[in-house]
Amino acid sequence: MGDTHAAITDKVAEFIGQQKMFFVATAPLAADGHINLSPKGLDSLRIIDEHTVAWLDLNGSGAETIAHLRENGRIVLMFCAFAGAPNILRLHGRGDVVLPGDDEFAALAGQLPALPGIRSIIRVRCERISDSCGFGVPRYEFLDERTQLTAWAEQKGPDALREYQQKNNRRSIDGLPALDV
């Protein structure tokens, strides 16, 4: 029912491109730490090469993904077919955080959509690419992207976003370092 792929093939890339949402899971090393699972959308992810994906990490209330990646790099992305043929795709790998001002940021940002409120770029080097049946995933109809997050970031502006990051994104809920603002 499932397959493991040696790389992000054209078929895998086509499936990723059709999905309006994906999920990101990370965890700290501490056994009592909180596992994080976040939905992502806004057409923010791109395939960089046959083993690498990246997406725009937009300002938000927490910075768990950043903190966990800085601590241990472990990450999995999951894409579910909510329309069309059933399928689930998982990209397991090692992620890193590319911040504005880092040497690689401009080149990566040039491959991603320009959205307001970019906090960082998360890059994942895929070590395991696998799919499964998805028979248990319900079918949903996509209506539209939500605009609140990008509108909020535009309204705040760069200085207020930095203040927000300083207040809300310096540490994970478990106290791990996240953003140095």
C-alpha atoms as a PDB file:
ATOM      1  CA  MET A   1       0.000   0.000   0.000  1.00  0.00           C
ATOM      2  CA  GLY A   2       2.939   2.346   0.473  1.00  0.00           C
ATOM      3  CA  ASP A   3       6.196   3.103  -1.277  1.00  0.00           C
ATOM      4  CA  THR A   4       9.523   4.599  -0.311  1.00  0.00           C
ATOM      5  CA  HIS A   5      11.122   6.844  -2.897  1.00  0.00           C
ATOM      6  CA  ALA A   6      14.848   7.421  -3.418  1.00  0.00           C
ATOM      7  CA  ALA A   7      14.196  11.085  -4.224  1.00  0.00           C
ATOM      8  CA  ILE A   8      11.466  13.629  -4.859  1.00  0.00           C
ATOM      9  CA  THR A   9      10.394  12.259  -8.222  1.00  0.00           C
ATOM     10  CA  ASP A  10       8.264  14.133 -10.750  1.00  0.00           C
ATOM     11  CA  LYS A  11       5.211  12.232  -9.479  1.00  0.00           C
ATOM     12  CA  VAL A  12       5.983  13.122  -5.845  1.00  0.00           C
ATOM     13  CA  ALA A  13       6.624  16.754  -6.828  1.00  0.00           C
ATOM     14  CA  GLU A  14       3.312  16.901  -8.691  1.00  0.00           C
ATOM     15  CA  PHE A  15       1.480  15.586  -5.619  1.00  0.00           C
ATOM     16  CA  ILE A  16       3.195  18.136  -3.349  1.00  0.00           C
ATOM     17  CA  GLY A  17       2.310  20.925  -5.761  1.00  0.00           C
ATOM     18  CA  GLN A  18      -1.375  19.983  -5.695  1.00  0.00           C
ATOM     19  CA  GLN A  19      -1.700  20.209  -1.916  1.00  0.00           C
ATOM     20  CA  LYS A  20      -2.980  23.425  -0.338  1.00  0.00           C
ATOM     21  CA  MET A  21      -1.804  22.457   3.141  1.00  0.00           C
ATOM     22  CA  PHE A  22       0.859  20.365   4.804  1.00  0.00           C
ATOM     23  CA  PHE A  23       1.736  19.505   8.377  1.00  0.00           C
ATOM     24  CA  VAL A  24       5.088  19.877  10.135  1.00  0.00           C
ATOM     25  CA  ALA A  25       6.089  17.858  13.205  1.00  0.00           C
ATOM     26  CA  THR A  26       9.148  18.318  15.400  1.00  0.00           C
ATOM     27  CA  ALA A  27      10.093  17.329  18.945  1.00  0.00           C
ATOM     28  CA  PRO A  28      12.694  18.294  21.511  1.00  0.00           C
ATOM     29  CA  LEU A  29      15.167  15.716  22.796  1.00  0.00           C
ATOM     30  CA  ALA A  30      13.778  15.824  26.344  1.00  0.00           C
ATOM     31  CA  ALA A  31      11.324  13.004  27.011  1.00  0.00           C
ATOM     32  CA  ASP A  32       9.017  15.401  28.847  1.00  0.00           C
ATOM     33  CA  GLY A  33       9.208  18.069  26.114  1.00  0.00           C
ATOM     34  CA  HIS A  34       6.239  19.017  23.994  1.00  0.00           C
ATOM     35  CA  ILE A  35       5.917  17.562  20.501  1.00  0.00           C
ATOM     36  CA  ASN A  36       4.892  20.235  18.008  1.00  0.00           C
ATOM     37  CA  LEU A  37       2.561  19.688  15.051  1.00  0.00           C
ATOM     38  CA  SER A  38       1.680  22.677  12.876  1.00  0.00           C
ATOM     39  CA  PRO A  39      -0.411  23.126   9.725  1.00  0.00           C
ATOM     40  CA  LYS A  40       1.140  25.227   6.950  1.00  0.00           C
ATOM     41  CA  GLY A  41      -0.366  26.750   3.839  1.00  0.00           C
ATOM     42  CA  LEU A  42      -0.352  29.977   1.812  1.00  0.00           C
ATOM     43  CA  ASP A  43       1.533  28.228  -1.015  1.00  0.00           C
ATOM     44  CA  SER A  44       4.711  28.799   1.006  1.00  0.00           C
ATOM     45  CA  LEU A  45       6.668  25.601   0.179  1.00  0.00           C
ATOM     46  CA  ARG A  46       8.937  24.912  -2.786  1.00  0.00           C
ATOM     47  CA  ILE A  47      10.997  21.934  -3.891  1.00  0.00           C
ATOM     48  CA  ILE A  48      14.619  23.038  -4.060  1.00  0.00           C
ATOM     49  CA  ASP A  49      16.102  19.832  -5.468  1.00  0.00           C
ATOM     50  CA  GLU A  50      15.359  16.109  -5.477  1.00  0.00           C
ATOM     51  CA  HIS A  51      16.176  15.827  -1.743  1.00  0.00           C
ATOM     52  CA  THR A  52      15.396  19.307  -0.406  1.00  0.00           C
ATOM     53  CA  VAL A  53      12.294  21.385   0.279  1.00  0.00           C
ATOM     54  CA  ALA A  54      11.969  24.787   1.917  1.00  0.00           C
ATOM     55  CA  TRP A  55       9.125  26.970   3.096  1.00  0.00           C
ATOM     56  CA  LEU A  56       8.600  30.442   4.446  1.00  0.00           C
ATOM     57  CA  ASP A  57       8.312  30.493   8.207  1.00  0.00           C
ATOM     58  CA  LEU A  58       5.936  33.375   8.860  1.00  0.00           C
ATOM     59  CA  ASN A  59       5.555  35.235  12.151  1.00  0.00           C
ATOM     60  CA  GLY A  60       3.369  33.386  14.599  1.00  0.00           C
ATOM     61  CA  SER A  61       2.572  32.934  18.232  1.00  0.00           C
ATOM     62  CA  GLY A  62       5.250  30.332  18.865  1.00  0.00           C
ATOM     63  CA  ALA A  63       8.600  29.241  17.527  1.00  0.00           C
ATOM     64  CA  GLU A  64       8.616  25.536  18.337  1.00  0.00           C
ATOM     65  CA  THR A  65       9.810  24.371  14.918  1.00  0.00           C
ATOM     66  CA  ILE A  66      12.762  26.770  15.036  1.00  0.00           C
ATOM     67  CA  ALA A  67      13.703  25.758  18.594  1.00  0.00           C
ATOM     68  CA  HIS A  68      13.472  22.027  17.898  1.00  0.00           C
ATOM     69  CA  LEU A  69      15.460  22.266  14.667  1.00  0.00           C
ATOM     70  CA  ARG A  70      18.180  24.271  16.389  1.00  0.00           C
ATOM     71  CA  GLU A  71      18.354  21.645  19.118  1.00  0.00           C
ATOM     72  CA  ASN A  72      18.292  18.437  17.059  1.00  0.00           C
ATOM     73  CA  GLY A  73      17.251  18.993  13.415  1.00  0.00           C
ATOM     74  CA  ARG A  74      14.615  16.200  13.343  1.00  0.00           C
ATOM     75  CA  ILE A  75      11.503  16.962  11.297  1.00  0.00           C
ATOM     76  CA  VAL A  76       8.741  15.330   9.278  1.00  0.00           C
ATOM     77  CA  LEU A  77       6.380  16.957   6.799  1.00  0.00           C
ATOM     78  CA  MET A  78       3.096  15.278   5.922  1.00  0.00           C
ATOM     79  CA  PHE A  79       0.922  16.005   2.897  1.00  0.00           C
ATOM     80  CA  CYS A  80      -2.597  14.511   2.691  1.00  0.00           C
ATOM     81  CA  ALA A  81      -4.763  14.325  -0.391  1.00  0.00           C
ATOM     82  CA  PHE A  82      -8.054  15.877   0.691  1.00  0.00           C
ATOM     83  CA  ALA A  83      -9.219  15.868  -2.954  1.00  0.00           C
ATOM     84  CA  GLY A  84      -8.540  13.479  -5.820  1.00  0.00           C
ATOM     85  CA  ALA A  85      -6.995  10.059  -5.367  1.00  0.00           C
ATOM     86  CA  PRO A  86      -6.212   9.155  -1.735  1.00  0.00           C
ATOM     87  CA  ASN A  87      -2.576   9.520  -0.712  1.00  0.00           C
ATOM     88  CA  ILE A  88      -0.392  10.517   2.215  1.00  0.00           C
ATOM     89  CA  LEU A  89       3.204  11.604   1.672  1.00  0.00           C
ATOM     90  CA  ARG A  90       5.783  11.992   4.423  1.00  0.00           C
ATOM     91  CA  LEU A  91       9.157  13.693   4.103  1.00  0.00           C
ATOM     92  CA  HIS A  92      11.403  12.736   7.036  1.00  0.00           C
ATOM     93  CA  GLY A  93      14.655  14.577   7.317  1.00  0.00           C
ATOM     94  CA  ARG A  94      16.943  17.103   8.898  1.00  0.00           C
ATOM     95  CA  GLY A  95      15.867  20.691   8.953  1.00  0.00           C
ATOM     96  CA  ASP A  96      17.695  23.924   9.481  1.00  0.00           C
ATOM     97  CA  VAL A  97      16.647  27.511  10.008  1.00  0.00           C
ATOM     98  CA  VAL A  98      17.850  30.149   7.552  1.00  0.00           C
ATOM     99  CA  LEU A  99      17.405  33.650   8.938  1.00  0.00           C
ATOM    100  CA  PRO A 100      17.296  36.996   7.140  1.00  0.00           C
ATOM    101  CA  GLY A 101      20.884  38.139   7.022  1.00  0.00           C
ATOM    102  CA  ASP A 102      22.297  34.599   6.702  1.00  0.00           C
ATOM    103  CA  ASP A 103      24.447  34.071   3.595  1.00  0.00           C
ATOM    104  CA  GLU A 104      21.951  31.640   2.025  1.00  0.00           C
ATOM    105  CA  PHE A 105      18.780  33.597   2.805  1.00  0.00           C
ATOM    106  CA  ALA A 106      18.562  35.744  -0.353  1.00  0.00           C
ATOM    107  CA  ALA A 107      19.157  32.818  -2.707  1.00  0.00           C
ATOM    108  CA  LEU A 108      16.550  30.654  -0.969  1.00  0.00           C
ATOM    109  CA  ALA A 109      14.050  33.513  -0.652  1.00  0.00           C
ATOM    110  CA  GLY A 110      14.339  34.031  -4.415  1.00  0.00           C
ATOM    111  CA  GLN A 111      12.881  30.541  -4.924  1.00  0.00           C
ATOM    112  CA  LEU A 112       9.936  31.143  -2.576  1.00  0.00           C
ATOM    113  CA  PRO A 113       6.890  33.401  -2.821  1.00  0.00           C
ATOM    114  CA  ALA A 114       7.176  36.932  -1.459  1.00  0.00           C
ATOM    115  CA  LEU A 115       4.857  37.087   1.557  1.00  0.00           C
ATOM    116  CA  PRO A 116       4.785  39.639   4.369  1.00  0.00           C
ATOM    117  CA  GLY A 117       5.928  38.608   7.826  1.00  0.00           C
ATOM    118  CA  ILE A 118       8.794  36.280   6.899  1.00  0.00           C
ATOM    119  CA  ARG A 119      10.565  35.265  10.096  1.00  0.00           C
ATOM    120  CA  SER A 120      12.869  32.651   8.563  1.00  0.00           C
ATOM    121  CA  ILE A 121      13.071  29.953   5.930  1.00  0.00           C
ATOM    122  CA  ILE A 122      12.926  26.346   7.031  1.00  0.00           C
ATOM    123  CA  ARG A 123      14.932  24.023   4.795  1.00  0.00           C
ATOM    124  CA  VAL A 124      14.572  20.258   4.994  1.00  0.00           C
ATOM    125  CA  ARG A 125      17.009  17.777   3.548  1.00  0.00           C
ATOM    126  CA  CYS A 126      14.867  14.693   3.046  1.00  0.00           C
ATOM    127  CA  GLU A 127      16.302  11.391   4.258  1.00  0.00           C
ATOM    128  CA  ARG A 128      13.153   9.317   3.807  1.00  0.00           C
ATOM    129  CA  ILE A 129      10.379   9.996   1.301  1.00  0.00           C
ATOM    130  CA  SER A 130       7.396   7.692   1.598  1.00  0.00           C
ATOM    131  CA  ASP A 131       3.742   7.524   0.758  1.00  0.00           C
ATOM    132  CA  SER A 132       0.843   5.472   2.027  1.00  0.00           C
ATOM    133  CA  CYS A 133      -2.732   4.807   0.997  1.00  0.00           C
ATOM    134  CA  GLY A 134      -4.605   7.688   2.600  1.00  0.00           C
ATOM    135  CA  PHE A 135      -7.821   5.681   2.518  1.00  0.00           C
ATOM    136  CA  GLY A 136      -8.817   7.034   5.945  1.00  0.00           C
ATOM    137  CA  VAL A 137      -8.337  10.711   5.057  1.00  0.00           C
ATOM    138  CA  PRO A 138     -11.656  12.486   4.486  1.00  0.00           C
ATOM    139  CA  ARG A 139     -12.321  14.463   1.320  1.00  0.00           C
ATOM    140  CA  TYR A 140     -12.582  18.237   1.653  1.00  0.00           C
ATOM    141  CA  GLU A 141     -13.198  21.007  -0.810  1.00  0.00           C
ATOM    142  CA  PHE A 142     -10.679  23.868  -0.810  1.00  0.00           C
ATOM    143  CA  LEU A 143     -12.402  27.232  -0.647  1.00  0.00           C
ATOM    144  CA  ASP A 144      -9.658  29.844  -0.334  1.00  0.00           C
ATOM    145  CA  GLU A 145      -6.492  30.831   1.511  1.00  0.00           C
ATOM    146  CA  ARG A 146      -6.970  32.766   4.732  1.00  0.00           C
ATOM    147  CA  THR A 147      -5.488  36.267   4.584  1.00  0.00           C
ATOM    148  CA  GLN A 148      -5.407  37.202   8.269  1.00  0.00           C
ATOM    149  CA  LEU A 149      -1.773  36.255   8.944  1.00  0.00           C
ATOM    150  CA  THR A 150      -0.276  38.193   6.044  1.00  0.00           C
ATOM    151  CA  ALA A 151      -2.626  41.154   6.611  1.00  0.00           C
ATOM    152  CA  TRP A 152      -1.612  41.219  10.286  1.00  0.00           C
ATOM    153  CA  ALA A 153       2.085  41.217   9.346  1.00  0.00           C
ATOM    154  CA  GLU A 154       1.600  44.018   6.794  1.00  0.00           C
ATOM    155  CA  GLN A 155      -0.324  46.109   9.319  1.00  0.00           C
ATOM    156  CA  LYS A 156       2.321  45.636  12.026  1.00  0.00           C
ATOM    157  CA  GLY A 157       5.337  46.540   9.892  1.00  0.00           C
ATOM    158  CA  PRO A 158       8.975  45.491  10.443  1.00  0.00           C
ATOM    159  CA  ASP A 159       9.608  47.247  13.760  1.00  0.00           C
ATOM    160  CA  ALA A 160       6.456  45.957  15.451  1.00  0.00           C
ATOM    161  CA  LEU A 161       7.133  42.454  14.087  1.00  0.00           C
ATOM    162  CA  ARG A 162      10.603  42.506  15.662  1.00  0.00           C
ATOM    163  CA  GLU A 163       9.038  43.574  18.965  1.00  0.00           C
ATOM    164  CA  TYR A 164       6.504  40.755  18.669  1.00  0.00           C
ATOM    165  CA  GLN A 165       9.294  38.235  17.988  1.00  0.00           C
ATOM    166  CA  GLN A 166      11.252  39.590  20.966  1.00  0.00           C
ATOM    167  CA  LYS A 167       8.238  39.063  23.216  1.00  0.00           C
ATOM    168  CA  ASN A 168       6.845  35.798  21.807  1.00  0.00           C
ATOM    169  CA  ASN A 169       9.471  33.919  19.777  1.00  0.00           C
ATOM    170  CA  ARG A 170      12.700  33.922  21.796  1.00  0.00           C
ATOM    171  CA  ARG A 171      12.032  30.564  23.464  1.00  0.00           C
ATOM    172  CA  SER A 172       9.918  27.477  22.881  1.00  0.00           C
ATOM    173  CA  ILE A 173       7.200  26.469  25.325  1.00  0.00           C
ATOM    174  CA  ASP A 174       9.809  24.135  26.887  1.00  0.00           C
ATOM    175  CA  GLY A 175      12.320  26.978  27.244  1.00  0.00           C
ATOM    176  CA  LEU A 176      14.574  26.036  24.310  1.00  0.00           C
ATOM    177  CA  PRO A 177      16.195  28.967  22.497  1.00  0.00           C
ATOM    178  CA  ALA A 178      14.387  29.890  19.285  1.00  0.00           C
ATOM    179  CA  LEU A 179      14.907  33.365  17.769  1.00  0.00           C
ATOM    180  CA  ASP A 180      17.706  35.721  18.750  1.00  0.00           C
ATOM    181  CA  VAL A 181      15.950  39.022  18.188  1.00  0.00           C
END
